[in-house]
Amino acid sequence: MRLRKNIKILTYVHSEFGEKVTIKLNNKIFDVIDLIAEYPAIGTIENKEKSIHGFLIRKQLRLFYRIAKDKLILLNFFDTRQHPKKKLK
């Protein structure tokens, strides 16, 4: 899921803003993933019952993830300009 969603986002960014911006965003996404992998509780708790955390990658892009034992599960990339009710669908 992570790669599919990431590719979709990066394809859109590339078509709208070009290669340089796309490369910077891709690097930022993987830097954030590395940071979360090292410090899993760094994100804000979005849903306590489901153990879902969120981390703002850019002003318009938020990553939702879950920590399960020794695994980091990426759930969704969310465009923050959307209605909040669409967050975890």
C-alpha atoms as a PDB file:
ATOM      1  CA  MET A   1       0.000   0.000   0.000  1.00  0.00           C
ATOM      2  CA  ARG A   2       2.779   2.401   0.931  1.00  0.00           C
ATOM      3  CA  LEU A   3       4.421   2.274  -2.462  1.00  0.00           C
ATOM      4  CA  ARG A   4       1.169   2.420  -4.410  1.00  0.00           C
ATOM      5  CA  LYS A   5      -0.076   5.491  -2.540  1.00  0.00           C
ATOM      6  CA  ASN A   6       3.365   7.093  -2.590  1.00  0.00           C
ATOM      7  CA  ILE A   7       3.650   6.580  -6.368  1.00  0.00           C
ATOM      8  CA  LYS A   8       0.209   8.124  -6.883  1.00  0.00           C
ATOM      9  CA  ILE A   9       1.175  11.184  -4.838  1.00  0.00           C
ATOM     10  CA  LEU A  10       4.543  11.536  -6.532  1.00  0.00           C
ATOM     11  CA  THR A  11       3.027  11.167 -10.015  1.00  0.00           C
ATOM     12  CA  TYR A  12       0.640  14.006  -9.244  1.00  0.00           C
ATOM     13  CA  VAL A  13       3.404  16.177  -7.752  1.00  0.00           C
ATOM     14  CA  HIS A  14       5.621  15.514 -10.771  1.00  0.00           C
ATOM     15  CA  SER A  15       2.894  16.512 -13.237  1.00  0.00           C
ATOM     16  CA  GLU A  16       2.075  19.705 -11.306  1.00  0.00           C
ATOM     17  CA  PHE A  17       5.450  20.856  -9.969  1.00  0.00           C
ATOM     18  CA  GLY A  18       8.223  19.039 -11.822  1.00  0.00           C
ATOM     19  CA  GLU A  19      11.056  16.679 -11.082  1.00  0.00           C
ATOM     20  CA  LYS A  20      12.988  18.709  -8.477  1.00  0.00           C
ATOM     21  CA  VAL A  21       9.973  19.106  -6.186  1.00  0.00           C
ATOM     22  CA  THR A  22       9.076  15.433  -6.660  1.00  0.00           C
ATOM     23  CA  ILE A  23      12.558  14.294  -5.637  1.00  0.00           C
ATOM     24  CA  LYS A  24      12.502  16.559  -2.566  1.00  0.00           C
ATOM     25  CA  LEU A  25       9.086  15.242  -1.495  1.00  0.00           C
ATOM     26  CA  ASN A  26      10.121  11.620  -2.023  1.00  0.00           C
ATOM     27  CA  ASN A  27      13.236  12.163   0.085  1.00  0.00           C
ATOM     28  CA  LYS A  28      11.176  13.897   2.790  1.00  0.00           C
ATOM     29  CA  ILE A  29       8.675  11.011   2.899  1.00  0.00           C
ATOM     30  CA  PHE A  30      11.415   8.430   3.385  1.00  0.00           C
ATOM     31  CA  ASP A  31      13.226  10.630   5.941  1.00  0.00           C
ATOM     32  CA  VAL A  32       9.995  10.787   7.952  1.00  0.00           C
ATOM     33  CA  ILE A  33       9.487   7.021   7.650  1.00  0.00           C
ATOM     34  CA  ASP A  34      13.042   6.461   8.920  1.00  0.00           C
ATOM     35  CA  LEU A  35      12.406   8.869  11.825  1.00  0.00           C
ATOM     36  CA  ILE A  36       9.160   7.131  12.769  1.00  0.00           C
ATOM     37  CA  ALA A  37      10.848   3.723  12.527  1.00  0.00           C
ATOM     38  CA  GLU A  38      13.451   4.904  15.037  1.00  0.00           C
ATOM     39  CA  TYR A  39      10.975   6.780  17.284  1.00  0.00           C
ATOM     40  CA  PRO A  40       7.553   5.144  16.712  1.00  0.00           C
ATOM     41  CA  ALA A  41       5.670   7.219  19.283  1.00  0.00           C
ATOM     42  CA  ILE A  42       6.763  10.541  17.762  1.00  0.00           C
ATOM     43  CA  GLY A  43       3.459  11.079  15.925  1.00  0.00           C
ATOM     44  CA  THR A  44       0.253  12.353  17.447  1.00  0.00           C
ATOM     45  CA  ILE A  45      -2.339   9.818  18.543  1.00  0.00           C
ATOM     46  CA  GLU A  46      -5.211  10.030  16.058  1.00  0.00           C
ATOM     47  CA  ASN A  47      -7.264   7.050  17.226  1.00  0.00           C
ATOM     48  CA  LYS A  48      -6.372   5.571  20.614  1.00  0.00           C
ATOM     49  CA  GLU A  49      -8.571   2.469  20.287  1.00  0.00           C
ATOM     50  CA  LYS A  50      -6.984   1.466  16.972  1.00  0.00           C
ATOM     51  CA  SER A  51      -3.488   2.682  17.961  1.00  0.00           C
ATOM     52  CA  ILE A  52      -3.302   4.973  14.942  1.00  0.00           C
ATOM     53  CA  HIS A  53      -0.735   7.751  14.921  1.00  0.00           C
ATOM     54  CA  GLY A  54      -0.356  10.659  12.527  1.00  0.00           C
ATOM     55  CA  PHE A  55       2.673  12.628  11.395  1.00  0.00           C
ATOM     56  CA  LEU A  56       2.655  15.806   9.320  1.00  0.00           C
ATOM     57  CA  ILE A  57       5.130  15.392   6.462  1.00  0.00           C
ATOM     58  CA  ARG A  58       4.351  18.687   4.754  1.00  0.00           C
ATOM     59  CA  LYS A  59       1.681  21.323   5.281  1.00  0.00           C
ATOM     60  CA  GLN A  60      -0.706  19.422   2.987  1.00  0.00           C
ATOM     61  CA  LEU A  61       0.447  15.840   3.581  1.00  0.00           C
ATOM     62  CA  ARG A  62      -0.062  13.702   6.677  1.00  0.00           C
ATOM     63  CA  LEU A  63       0.996  10.092   7.177  1.00  0.00           C
ATOM     64  CA  PHE A  64      -1.097   7.724   9.292  1.00  0.00           C
ATOM     65  CA  TYR A  65       0.577   4.674  10.779  1.00  0.00           C
ATOM     66  CA  ARG A  66       0.230   1.987  13.408  1.00  0.00           C
ATOM     67  CA  ILE A  67       2.824   0.364  15.636  1.00  0.00           C
ATOM     68  CA  ALA A  68       2.448  -3.406  16.005  1.00  0.00           C
ATOM     69  CA  LYS A  69       5.084  -5.095  18.144  1.00  0.00           C
ATOM     70  CA  ASP A  70       8.308  -4.539  16.189  1.00  0.00           C
ATOM     71  CA  LYS A  71       6.593  -3.419  12.967  1.00  0.00           C
ATOM     72  CA  LEU A  72       5.682  -0.024  11.596  1.00  0.00           C
ATOM     73  CA  ILE A  73       2.542  -0.277   9.464  1.00  0.00           C
ATOM     74  CA  LEU A  74       1.900   2.625   7.093  1.00  0.00           C
ATOM     75  CA  LEU A  75      -1.844   3.079   6.717  1.00  0.00           C
ATOM     76  CA  ASN A  76      -2.431   6.119   4.542  1.00  0.00           C
ATOM     77  CA  PHE A  77      -1.126   9.379   3.169  1.00  0.00           C
ATOM     78  CA  PHE A  78      -3.751  12.092   3.648  1.00  0.00           C
ATOM     79  CA  ASP A  79      -4.095  15.407   1.844  1.00  0.00           C
ATOM     80  CA  THR A  80      -4.881  17.778   4.712  1.00  0.00           C
ATOM     81  CA  ARG A  81      -6.941  20.007   2.404  1.00  0.00           C
ATOM     82  CA  GLN A  82      -9.638  17.309   2.347  1.00  0.00           C
ATOM     83  CA  HIS A  83     -12.522  17.171   4.792  1.00  0.00           C
ATOM     84  CA  PRO A  84     -11.316  15.641   8.094  1.00  0.00           C
ATOM     85  CA  LYS A  85     -14.051  12.969   7.975  1.00  0.00           C
ATOM     86  CA  LYS A  86     -12.140  11.340   5.104  1.00  0.00           C
ATOM     87  CA  LYS A  87      -9.023  10.872   7.232  1.00  0.00           C
ATOM     88  CA  LEU A  88      -9.048   7.182   8.053  1.00  0.00           C
ATOM     89  CA  LYS A  89     -11.191   5.693   5.312  1.00  0.00           C
END
